Amino acid sequence: MVHQYKNNGYNIVLDVNSGMVHVVDDLIYDIIEGYNKASRDAKHKVSKEDREAIINHITDKYKGEEYTSLFEEYKEQADPVVTAVTEALSEVEELITEGALFTEDIYENYISEFKNRSTVVKALCLHIAHDCNLACKYCFAEEGEYQGRRALMSYEVGKQALDFLIASSGNRKNLEIDFFGGEPLMNFDVVKRLVEYGREQEVIHNKKFRFTLTTNGILLNDDIMEFANKEMSNVVLSIDGRKEVNDMMRPSRNGKGSYDVIIPKFKKLAESRNQTNYYVRGTFTHNNLDFSEDVIHLAENGFKQISVEPVVALPEENYSLKEEDLEKIYEEYDKLAAYILEKKQKGEGFNFFHFMIDLSGGPCVAKRLSGCGSGTEYLAVTPWGDLYPCHQFVGEEKYLMGNVFEGVKQKEMQEEFKCCNVYSKDKCKECFAKFYCSGGCAANSYKFHGSIHDTYDIGCKLQKKRVECALMIKAAEASLSEEA
């Protein structure tokens, strides 16, 4: 399977199964397109007649005077265009022979092996606080309540959660704990005590904890920053971008905006961490479809690690994204990609989370096929110790899997999540982005379709656009490097 598209002046061909990306000229681009349409079998071989048809079709297209300069090196030939097209077609066929184009999908059989592996838990999202000091309008957690009651996790429950993780992690040494909410800093004393307990357990059990913290910043102060810089591998700072955008969607309980309170704190924290191991994380909605301006605003405020993500909301919400918004959003992603390239060329680059892509290796095969590991390797823990597949399922009683005192009780649900992958979803099987999005978010699928084995359609379309932009940036960087 190949995916072809044009973006910011680049002709890009992605060989989906190998992950190889080719930046080609117009002639090669058209020949690959013709070859793909003419191929008759899984090995993408074409008949002699089809091959001649491709040559004739492409030759007819490039006969015009406007293409004369493309065939300058063949001008001594009897028919420069036919010669050039024939040679280009041979180059395409050589790439196929070398396993660089139209490669076979070798992963579908692997997923059955993955499903048979024993399940170990490697990460927990600790809902340290089901409470919040903001009243964000799009909050899936209902201002921290998660369809339940406001509560703070006790040290005893948190300690048991760490013990559960250690006991459930098998031989895995590196474990992850994300302090989440609501707003976790409303329960910061317990955060500190749990980190201390985790460090003690590392020595006893030969484990290594990677702690992260997600915060809206209202309670952030110098003491907390010092602790975070010592103990937190990553800190996520919630801000939506421009003051007017942020304050519209992220007000405090008294209705006042949060921007002026948090922006100086976030700048200080980012600098104190040398602009690494953190990111500012925002959400864009129907109300700010020009979200590239919010990313630019954050970049111009000095932030080097930025994520501004699309809201996921049901259609009846006035801020939800609609099908008619997509073209505008695509334009914004293209605009943002061009801006990022421009900044990199000036030595002022920054990372935009959704455009970060690793073409040299990337995630392991299992992760590329099955995603984040929710419900299997990754679980969420409520303040009273209940276990859910992830933070977005908390409050959905159907997905209550067990608790940290007794462990996972719904083993069949764990198996269902393990079987959820790019080959179990009809919409994913022939999608060029499947190895980058890993089938999308199970919680979003459930929210829109009542099943984890479907996909959130708007989210899919946006993901595909982001992959295209990310690949274009990589192509541009490679091209600029060759020119330098």
Protein backbone atom coordinates (compact mmCIF):
# COMPACT_ATOMS: atom_id res chain seq x y z
CA MET A 1 0.00 0.00 0.00
CA VAL A 2 1.25 3.47 -0.88
CA HIS A 3 -0.12 6.89 -0.02
CA GLN A 4 0.64 9.84 -2.26
CA TYR A 5 -0.01 13.53 -1.63
CA LYS A 6 1.36 16.99 -2.34
CA ASN A 7 2.10 19.45 0.45
CA ASN A 8 3.98 22.77 0.55
CA GLY A 9 5.58 22.08 -2.84
CA TYR A 10 6.71 18.51 -2.07
CA ASN A 11 5.51 15.36 -3.83
CA ILE A 12 5.48 12.72 -1.12
CA VAL A 13 5.03 8.96 -1.47
CA LEU A 14 4.66 6.90 1.70
CA ASP A 15 5.15 3.17 1.48
CA VAL A 16 2.80 2.29 4.32
CA ASN A 17 4.04 -1.15 5.35
CA SER A 18 7.77 -0.38 5.34
CA GLY A 19 7.38 3.20 6.54
CA MET A 20 9.71 4.46 3.81
CA VAL A 21 9.06 7.99 2.58
CA HIS A 22 10.03 9.09 -0.93
CA VAL A 23 10.18 12.69 -2.11
CA VAL A 24 9.85 12.53 -5.90
CA ASP A 25 9.46 14.71 -8.97
CA ASP A 26 6.18 15.07 -10.86
CA LEU A 27 7.04 12.36 -13.36
CA ILE A 28 7.84 9.66 -10.79
CA TYR A 29 4.82 10.74 -8.75
CA ASP A 30 2.48 10.21 -11.70
CA ILE A 31 4.07 6.91 -12.66
CA ILE A 32 3.66 5.52 -9.13
CA GLU A 33 0.03 6.58 -9.23
CA GLY A 34 -0.48 4.86 -12.57
CA TYR A 35 1.39 1.77 -11.46
CA ASN A 36 -0.74 1.51 -8.33
CA LYS A 37 -3.97 1.69 -10.34
CA ALA A 38 -2.77 -0.87 -12.88
CA SER A 39 -1.40 -3.48 -10.47
CA ARG A 40 -3.39 -6.68 -10.44
CA ASP A 41 -2.19 -8.55 -7.35
CA ALA A 42 -0.74 -8.17 -3.87
CA LYS A 43 2.80 -8.16 -5.25
CA HIS A 44 1.96 -5.18 -7.47
CA LYS A 45 3.11 -6.72 -10.71
CA VAL A 46 1.60 -5.38 -13.91
CA SER A 47 1.14 -7.03 -17.24
CA LYS A 48 3.13 -6.05 -20.32
CA GLU A 49 -0.02 -4.44 -21.72
CA ASP A 50 -0.62 -2.41 -18.56
CA ARG A 51 2.98 -1.31 -18.54
CA GLU A 52 2.66 -0.02 -22.08
CA ALA A 53 -0.59 1.69 -21.12
CA ILE A 54 1.15 3.52 -18.26
CA ILE A 55 3.92 4.68 -20.57
CA ASN A 56 1.43 5.89 -23.17
CA HIS A 57 -0.76 7.67 -20.64
CA ILE A 58 2.12 9.47 -18.92
CA THR A 59 3.77 10.27 -22.24
CA ASP A 60 0.59 11.88 -23.54
CA LYS A 61 0.36 14.01 -20.39
CA TYR A 62 3.95 15.30 -20.70
CA LYS A 63 3.95 16.03 -24.44
CA GLY A 64 3.10 19.70 -23.98
CA GLU A 65 5.66 22.47 -24.45
CA GLU A 66 5.39 23.45 -20.77
CA TYR A 67 7.24 20.23 -19.87
CA THR A 68 10.14 20.69 -22.31
CA SER A 69 12.66 21.61 -19.58
CA LEU A 70 11.96 18.38 -17.70
CA PHE A 71 13.44 16.28 -20.50
CA GLU A 72 16.50 18.35 -21.35
CA GLU A 73 18.92 15.49 -20.66
CA TYR A 74 17.05 13.29 -23.15
CA LYS A 75 16.91 15.82 -25.99
CA GLU A 76 19.25 13.76 -28.20
CA GLN A 77 16.86 10.81 -28.08
CA ALA A 78 14.37 10.16 -30.88
CA ASP A 79 11.50 10.64 -28.44
CA PRO A 80 12.79 12.30 -25.24
CA VAL A 81 9.50 11.96 -23.37
CA VAL A 82 9.06 8.24 -24.06
CA THR A 83 12.68 7.59 -23.08
CA ALA A 84 12.34 9.55 -19.84
CA VAL A 85 9.04 7.89 -18.90
CA THR A 86 10.39 4.40 -19.65
CA GLU A 87 13.48 5.00 -17.53
CA ALA A 88 11.39 6.46 -14.69
CA LEU A 89 9.09 3.45 -14.75
CA SER A 90 12.13 1.18 -14.51
CA GLU A 91 13.29 3.15 -11.45
CA VAL A 92 9.90 2.62 -9.80
CA GLU A 93 10.06 -1.11 -10.53
CA GLU A 94 13.56 -1.24 -9.07
CA LEU A 95 12.26 0.33 -5.85
CA ILE A 96 9.56 -2.32 -5.71
CA THR A 97 12.15 -5.09 -6.18
CA GLU A 98 14.31 -3.58 -3.42
CA GLY A 99 11.39 -3.55 -0.99
CA ALA A 100 11.02 0.22 -0.89
CA LEU A 101 7.60 0.49 -2.57
CA PHE A 102 4.40 -1.57 -2.40
CA THR A 103 5.85 -3.75 0.35
CA GLU A 104 3.78 -6.51 1.91
CA ASP A 105 2.07 -6.19 5.27
CA ILE A 106 4.00 -8.53 7.55
CA TYR A 107 2.38 -7.40 10.79
CA GLU A 108 -1.08 -8.92 10.77
CA ASN A 109 0.25 -12.30 11.88
CA TYR A 110 2.34 -10.63 14.57
CA ILE A 111 -0.71 -9.25 16.34
CA SER A 112 -1.93 -12.75 17.18
CA GLU A 113 1.40 -13.41 18.91
CA PHE A 114 1.04 -10.13 20.81
CA LYS A 115 -2.46 -11.07 21.99
CA ASN A 116 -1.11 -14.32 23.44
CA ARG A 117 1.56 -12.62 25.54
CA SER A 118 1.01 -12.42 29.28
CA THR A 119 -0.32 -9.04 30.39
CA VAL A 120 1.83 -6.86 32.61
CA VAL A 121 0.85 -3.42 33.88
CA LYS A 122 3.55 -0.81 33.34
CA ALA A 123 1.76 2.51 33.95
CA LEU A 124 -0.91 4.01 36.17
CA CYS A 125 -2.77 7.29 35.90
CA LEU A 126 -3.40 8.23 39.53
CA HIS A 127 -6.46 10.44 39.92
CA ILE A 128 -4.93 12.11 42.90
CA ALA A 129 -7.75 14.66 42.96
CA HIS A 130 -11.32 14.41 41.71
CA ASP A 131 -11.65 18.12 42.21
CA CYS A 132 -10.49 21.22 40.38
CA ASN A 133 -10.11 24.95 40.93
CA LEU A 134 -11.02 25.74 37.31
CA ALA A 135 -14.30 25.27 35.45
CA CYS A 136 -13.11 24.45 31.93
CA LYS A 137 -16.09 24.29 29.58
CA TYR A 138 -14.90 21.30 27.58
CA CYS A 139 -13.66 19.22 30.54
CA PHE A 140 -14.47 15.53 29.98
CA ALA A 141 -13.98 15.07 33.74
CA GLU A 142 -16.86 17.45 34.61
CA GLU A 143 -14.58 19.81 36.54
CA GLY A 144 -13.02 16.82 38.26
CA GLU A 145 -16.14 14.94 39.32
CA TYR A 146 -16.00 12.17 36.67
CA GLN A 147 -19.74 11.46 36.96
CA GLY A 148 -19.24 10.85 40.67
CA ARG A 149 -18.29 12.89 43.70
CA ARG A 150 -15.46 15.24 44.51
CA ALA A 151 -12.69 13.48 46.39
CA LEU A 152 -8.96 13.52 47.09
CA MET A 153 -6.94 10.31 47.01
CA SER A 154 -5.60 9.29 50.41
CA TYR A 155 -1.99 8.31 50.91
CA GLU A 156 -3.12 4.78 51.81
CA VAL A 157 -4.96 4.30 48.49
CA GLY A 158 -2.05 5.78 46.53
CA LYS A 159 0.44 3.56 48.34
CA GLN A 160 -1.68 0.51 47.52
CA ALA A 161 -1.79 1.62 43.88
CA LEU A 162 2.01 1.65 43.71
CA ASP A 163 2.12 -1.76 45.39
CA PHE A 164 -0.41 -3.06 42.83
CA LEU A 165 1.70 -1.71 39.97
CA ILE A 166 4.87 -3.33 41.30
CA ALA A 167 3.09 -6.66 41.79
CA SER A 168 1.48 -6.53 38.33
CA SER A 169 4.56 -5.45 36.37
CA GLY A 170 6.28 -8.82 36.09
CA ASN A 171 9.90 -8.51 35.04
CA ARG A 172 9.46 -5.00 33.69
CA LYS A 173 11.82 -2.61 35.48
CA ASN A 174 10.70 0.82 34.24
CA LEU A 175 7.27 1.88 35.52
CA GLU A 176 5.26 5.07 35.06
CA ILE A 177 3.00 7.05 37.36
CA ASP A 178 1.10 10.12 36.14
CA PHE A 179 -0.38 12.35 38.83
CA PHE A 180 -3.64 13.48 37.28
CA GLY A 181 -6.96 15.09 38.16
CA GLY A 182 -8.95 17.26 38.33
CA GLU A 183 -6.08 19.30 39.63
CA PRO A 184 -3.42 17.18 41.38
CA LEU A 185 -1.82 20.14 43.13
CA MET A 186 -4.94 20.35 45.29
CA ASN A 187 -3.57 17.19 46.93
CA PHE A 188 0.13 17.94 46.66
CA ASP A 189 1.13 16.62 50.07
CA VAL A 190 -0.02 13.14 49.05
CA VAL A 191 1.86 13.51 45.74
CA LYS A 192 5.08 14.18 47.65
CA ARG A 193 4.56 11.29 50.04
CA LEU A 194 3.82 8.86 47.20
CA VAL A 195 6.95 9.89 45.32
CA GLU A 196 8.97 9.30 48.48
CA TYR A 197 7.35 5.88 48.91
CA GLY A 198 8.00 5.04 45.26
CA ARG A 199 11.70 5.90 45.59
CA GLU A 200 11.95 3.56 48.60
CA GLN A 201 10.30 0.73 46.65
CA GLU A 202 12.65 1.16 43.68
CA VAL A 203 15.54 -0.14 45.76
CA ILE A 204 13.57 -2.98 47.33
CA HIS A 205 12.05 -4.33 44.10
CA ASN A 206 14.67 -3.31 41.51
CA LYS A 207 12.21 -1.02 39.76
CA LYS A 208 12.51 2.51 38.40
CA PHE A 209 9.58 4.93 38.60
CA ARG A 210 9.06 7.66 36.06
CA PHE A 211 6.74 10.23 37.63
CA THR A 212 4.83 12.85 35.63
CA LEU A 213 2.49 15.64 36.65
CA THR A 214 -0.37 17.33 34.79
CA THR A 215 -1.41 20.71 36.21
CA ASN A 216 -3.44 23.82 35.35
CA GLY A 217 -0.84 25.87 37.21
CA ILE A 218 -3.11 27.86 39.52
CA LEU A 219 -1.38 26.52 42.66
CA LEU A 220 2.09 26.28 41.14
CA ASN A 221 4.77 27.97 43.28
CA ASP A 222 8.53 27.92 43.73
CA ASP A 223 8.50 25.00 46.20
CA ILE A 224 6.38 22.87 43.87
CA MET A 225 8.60 23.77 40.90
CA GLU A 226 11.69 22.74 42.86
CA PHE A 227 10.09 19.42 43.75
CA ALA A 228 8.88 18.84 40.18
CA ASN A 229 12.32 19.57 38.76
CA LYS A 230 13.83 17.03 41.11
CA GLU A 231 11.27 14.24 40.84
CA MET A 232 9.06 14.63 37.75
CA SER A 233 10.34 13.24 34.45
CA ASN A 234 7.75 15.30 32.63
CA VAL A 235 5.32 18.08 33.52
CA VAL A 236 2.24 18.89 31.43
CA LEU A 237 1.07 22.50 31.71
CA SER A 238 -2.50 23.19 30.61
CA ILE A 239 -3.05 26.40 28.64
CA ASP A 240 -5.04 26.94 25.45
CA GLY A 241 -2.95 29.70 23.86
CA ARG A 242 -3.95 33.34 23.46
CA LYS A 243 -5.39 35.05 26.52
CA GLU A 244 -8.86 35.54 25.03
CA VAL A 245 -9.05 31.90 23.88
CA ASN A 246 -7.73 30.45 27.12
CA ASP A 247 -9.93 32.59 29.35
CA MET A 248 -13.06 31.84 27.35
CA MET A 249 -12.70 28.07 27.80
CA ARG A 250 -10.63 27.81 31.01
CA PRO A 251 -12.17 30.17 33.59
CA SER A 252 -11.84 29.83 37.34
CA ARG A 253 -14.84 28.98 39.49
CA ASN A 254 -15.62 32.68 39.92
CA GLY A 255 -15.67 33.17 36.16
CA LYS A 256 -12.37 35.02 35.89
CA GLY A 257 -9.78 33.93 33.36
CA SER A 258 -6.71 31.92 34.32
CA TYR A 259 -4.21 33.17 31.71
CA ASP A 260 -2.66 36.02 33.68
CA VAL A 261 -2.17 33.78 36.70
CA ILE A 262 -0.50 30.87 34.93
CA ILE A 263 1.54 32.30 32.04
CA PRO A 264 4.39 33.73 34.16
CA LYS A 265 4.55 30.51 36.20
CA PHE A 266 4.66 28.34 33.08
CA LYS A 267 7.44 30.45 31.57
CA LYS A 268 9.46 30.15 34.76
CA LEU A 269 8.97 26.37 34.96
CA ALA A 270 9.88 25.85 31.29
CA GLU A 271 13.09 27.83 31.72
CA SER A 272 13.92 26.05 34.99
CA ARG A 273 13.73 22.73 33.10
CA ASN A 274 15.95 24.08 30.30
CA GLN A 275 13.00 23.95 27.89
CA THR A 276 12.91 20.14 28.00
CA ASN A 277 10.88 17.44 29.75
CA TYR A 278 7.66 19.42 29.83
CA TYR A 279 5.06 20.62 27.41
CA VAL A 280 2.32 23.21 27.35
CA ARG A 281 -0.87 21.46 26.35
CA GLY A 282 -3.92 23.19 24.94
CA THR A 283 -7.23 22.32 23.33
CA PHE A 284 -8.77 24.01 20.33
CA THR A 285 -12.50 24.03 19.68
CA HIS A 286 -15.03 25.30 17.15
CA ASN A 287 -14.56 28.69 18.80
CA ASN A 288 -10.91 29.03 17.75
CA LEU A 289 -10.51 27.26 14.45
CA ASP A 290 -7.54 29.58 13.81
CA PHE A 291 -5.67 27.55 16.41
CA SER A 292 -2.35 27.90 14.60
CA GLU A 293 -2.35 31.40 16.09
CA ASP A 294 -2.48 29.85 19.55
CA VAL A 295 0.49 27.62 18.80
CA ILE A 296 2.38 30.61 17.39
CA HIS A 297 1.44 32.64 20.48
CA LEU A 298 2.90 29.98 22.77
CA ALA A 299 6.05 29.69 20.64
CA GLU A 300 6.53 33.46 20.68
CA ASN A 301 6.25 33.34 24.45
CA GLY A 302 9.32 31.15 24.49
CA PHE A 303 7.85 27.68 24.89
CA LYS A 304 9.75 24.97 23.00
CA GLN A 305 7.47 21.98 23.71
CA ILE A 306 3.91 22.60 22.57
CA SER A 307 0.75 20.58 22.06
CA VAL A 308 -2.57 22.08 21.02
CA GLU A 309 -5.07 19.31 20.35
CA PRO A 310 -8.60 19.12 18.91
CA VAL A 311 -11.45 18.97 21.38
CA VAL A 312 -13.40 15.72 21.46
CA ALA A 313 -17.02 16.57 22.13
CA LEU A 314 -20.42 15.32 21.06
CA PRO A 315 -22.14 17.28 18.26
CA GLU A 316 -24.68 18.95 20.55
CA GLU A 317 -21.95 20.93 22.33
CA ASN A 318 -21.60 24.40 20.80
CA TYR A 319 -17.80 24.18 20.93
CA SER A 320 -17.54 20.74 19.25
CA LEU A 321 -15.78 20.30 15.92
CA LYS A 322 -18.02 19.76 12.91
CA GLU A 323 -17.46 18.18 9.51
CA GLU A 324 -17.74 21.63 7.95
CA ASP A 325 -14.80 22.79 10.11
CA LEU A 326 -12.38 20.30 8.60
CA GLU A 327 -11.17 22.30 5.60
CA LYS A 328 -10.34 25.26 7.82
CA ILE A 329 -8.51 22.99 10.26
CA TYR A 330 -6.53 21.40 7.41
CA GLU A 331 -5.48 24.89 6.28
CA GLU A 332 -4.38 25.69 9.81
CA TYR A 333 -2.23 22.55 10.02
CA ASP A 334 -0.59 23.45 6.68
CA LYS A 335 0.00 26.99 7.89
CA LEU A 336 1.49 25.71 11.11
CA ALA A 337 3.76 23.25 9.31
CA ALA A 338 5.13 26.04 7.12
CA TYR A 339 5.67 28.25 10.18
CA ILE A 340 7.55 25.48 12.01
CA LEU A 341 9.85 24.98 9.02
CA GLU A 342 10.50 28.70 8.83
CA LYS A 343 11.37 28.88 12.52
CA LYS A 344 13.70 25.88 12.25
CA GLN A 345 15.57 27.47 9.36
CA LYS A 346 16.12 30.54 11.55
CA GLY A 347 17.43 28.42 14.40
CA GLU A 348 14.30 29.18 16.44
CA GLY A 349 12.64 25.79 16.18
CA PHE A 350 10.23 24.23 18.64
CA ASN A 351 8.48 20.88 18.94
CA PHE A 352 4.81 20.62 18.11
CA PHE A 353 3.62 17.35 19.62
CA HIS A 354 1.36 16.26 16.74
CA PHE A 355 4.06 16.82 14.12
CA MET A 356 6.73 14.80 15.93
CA ILE A 357 7.38 11.62 13.99
CA ASP A 358 10.29 9.16 14.04
CA LEU A 359 11.10 7.70 10.64
CA SER A 360 14.24 5.89 11.80
CA GLY A 361 12.48 3.48 14.13
CA GLY A 362 9.54 4.84 16.03
CA PRO A 363 7.49 2.90 18.59
CA CYS A 364 7.80 -0.86 18.87
CA VAL A 365 5.60 -2.98 16.62
CA ALA A 366 3.11 -3.84 19.38
CA LYS A 367 2.55 -0.17 20.18
CA ARG A 368 2.16 0.75 16.51
CA LEU A 369 -0.48 -1.95 16.10
CA SER A 370 -2.43 -1.59 19.33
CA GLY A 371 -1.84 1.91 20.63
CA CYS A 372 -1.44 3.33 24.12
CA GLY A 373 -2.03 0.09 26.02
CA SER A 374 -5.18 1.30 27.78
CA GLY A 375 -6.99 -1.49 29.61
CA THR A 376 -3.92 -3.72 29.51
CA GLU A 377 -0.55 -2.12 30.24
CA TYR A 378 -2.02 1.21 31.31
CA LEU A 379 -4.82 1.74 33.86
CA ALA A 380 -6.41 4.66 35.70
CA VAL A 381 -6.97 4.69 39.46
CA THR A 382 -9.75 6.70 41.14
CA PRO A 383 -9.32 8.38 44.56
CA TRP A 384 -10.91 5.34 46.21
CA GLY A 385 -8.81 2.82 44.30
CA ASP A 386 -11.08 1.65 41.48
CA LEU A 387 -9.37 0.60 38.24
CA TYR A 388 -10.51 1.74 34.78
CA PRO A 389 -8.94 1.23 31.32
CA CYS A 390 -7.82 4.88 31.21
CA HIS A 391 -8.67 8.30 32.62
CA GLN A 392 -11.33 8.90 29.97
CA PHE A 393 -13.30 5.80 31.00
CA VAL A 394 -13.44 6.75 34.68
CA GLY A 395 -17.08 7.03 35.78
CA GLU A 396 -18.32 4.60 33.11
CA GLU A 397 -19.38 1.78 35.44
CA LYS A 398 -19.43 -0.69 32.57
CA TYR A 399 -15.66 -0.28 32.43
CA LEU A 400 -14.91 -0.68 36.13
CA MET A 401 -12.22 -3.37 35.96
CA GLY A 402 -11.40 -3.94 39.62
CA ASN A 403 -9.50 -2.10 42.32
CA VAL A 404 -5.96 -1.75 43.61
CA PHE A 405 -6.70 -3.90 46.67
CA GLU A 406 -8.03 -6.95 44.82
CA GLY A 407 -6.54 -6.40 41.38
CA VAL A 408 -8.17 -6.68 37.96
CA LYS A 409 -11.44 -8.59 38.24
CA GLN A 410 -12.75 -8.19 34.71
CA LYS A 411 -10.09 -10.24 32.94
CA GLU A 412 -12.34 -10.61 29.91
CA MET A 413 -12.33 -6.83 29.51
CA GLN A 414 -8.56 -6.78 29.66
CA GLU A 415 -8.55 -9.36 26.87
CA GLU A 416 -10.99 -7.26 24.84
CA PHE A 417 -8.66 -4.27 25.02
CA LYS A 418 -5.72 -6.47 24.12
CA CYS A 419 -7.59 -7.56 20.98
CA CYS A 420 -8.30 -3.96 19.98
CA ASN A 421 -5.85 -3.06 17.20
CA VAL A 422 -5.57 -1.76 13.65
CA TYR A 423 -6.62 -5.14 12.26
CA SER A 424 -9.73 -5.44 14.42
CA LYS A 425 -11.17 -2.20 13.02
CA ASP A 426 -12.52 -2.15 9.49
CA LYS A 427 -11.83 1.58 9.12
CA CYS A 428 -8.15 1.07 9.93
CA LYS A 429 -7.19 -1.87 7.75
CA GLU A 430 -6.68 0.14 4.56
CA CYS A 431 -5.73 3.45 6.18
CA PHE A 432 -2.29 4.84 5.40
CA ALA A 433 -1.94 6.33 8.90
CA LYS A 434 -2.69 3.15 10.83
CA PHE A 435 0.89 2.60 11.99
CA TYR A 436 1.12 6.19 13.26
CA CYS A 437 -2.18 6.49 15.14
CA SER A 438 -2.37 2.78 16.09
CA GLY A 439 -6.12 2.70 15.56
CA GLY A 440 -6.98 5.84 17.46
CA CYS A 441 -8.34 6.36 20.95
CA ALA A 442 -10.54 3.58 22.37
CA ALA A 443 -12.31 6.04 24.68
CA ASN A 444 -13.21 8.33 21.79
CA SER A 445 -14.49 5.36 19.81
CA TYR A 446 -16.71 4.35 22.73
CA LYS A 447 -17.92 7.92 23.21
CA PHE A 448 -19.14 8.21 19.62
CA HIS A 449 -20.04 4.63 18.71
CA GLY A 450 -20.53 2.72 21.95
CA SER A 451 -17.70 0.34 21.06
CA ILE A 452 -13.93 0.41 21.45
CA HIS A 453 -13.59 -1.40 18.11
CA ASP A 454 -14.64 1.59 16.01
CA THR A 455 -13.02 4.98 15.42
CA TYR A 456 -13.90 8.62 16.03
CA ASP A 457 -14.30 9.78 12.44
CA ILE A 458 -13.38 13.46 12.74
CA GLY A 459 -10.40 12.47 14.86
CA CYS A 460 -9.27 10.05 12.14
CA LYS A 461 -9.41 12.71 9.46
CA LEU A 462 -7.41 15.15 11.56
CA GLN A 463 -4.87 12.47 12.44
CA LYS A 464 -4.30 11.71 8.75
CA LYS A 465 -3.75 15.39 8.02
CA ARG A 466 -1.26 15.69 10.88
CA VAL A 467 0.68 12.67 9.63
CA GLU A 468 0.90 14.23 6.18
CA CYS A 469 2.20 17.49 7.63
CA ALA A 470 4.70 15.67 9.84
CA LEU A 471 6.07 13.70 6.90
CA MET A 472 6.30 16.86 4.81
CA ILE A 473 8.36 18.55 7.52
CA LYS A 474 10.73 15.58 7.59
CA ALA A 475 10.99 15.69 3.79
CA ALA A 476 11.70 19.41 3.83
CA GLU A 477 14.34 19.05 6.53
CA ALA A 478 16.08 16.31 4.55
CA SER A 479 15.97 18.41 1.39
CA LEU A 480 17.36 21.47 3.15
CA SER A 481 20.10 19.37 4.71
CA GLU A 482 21.17 18.08 1.30
CA GLU A 483 21.31 21.63 -0.06
CA ALA A 484 23.41 22.92 2.86
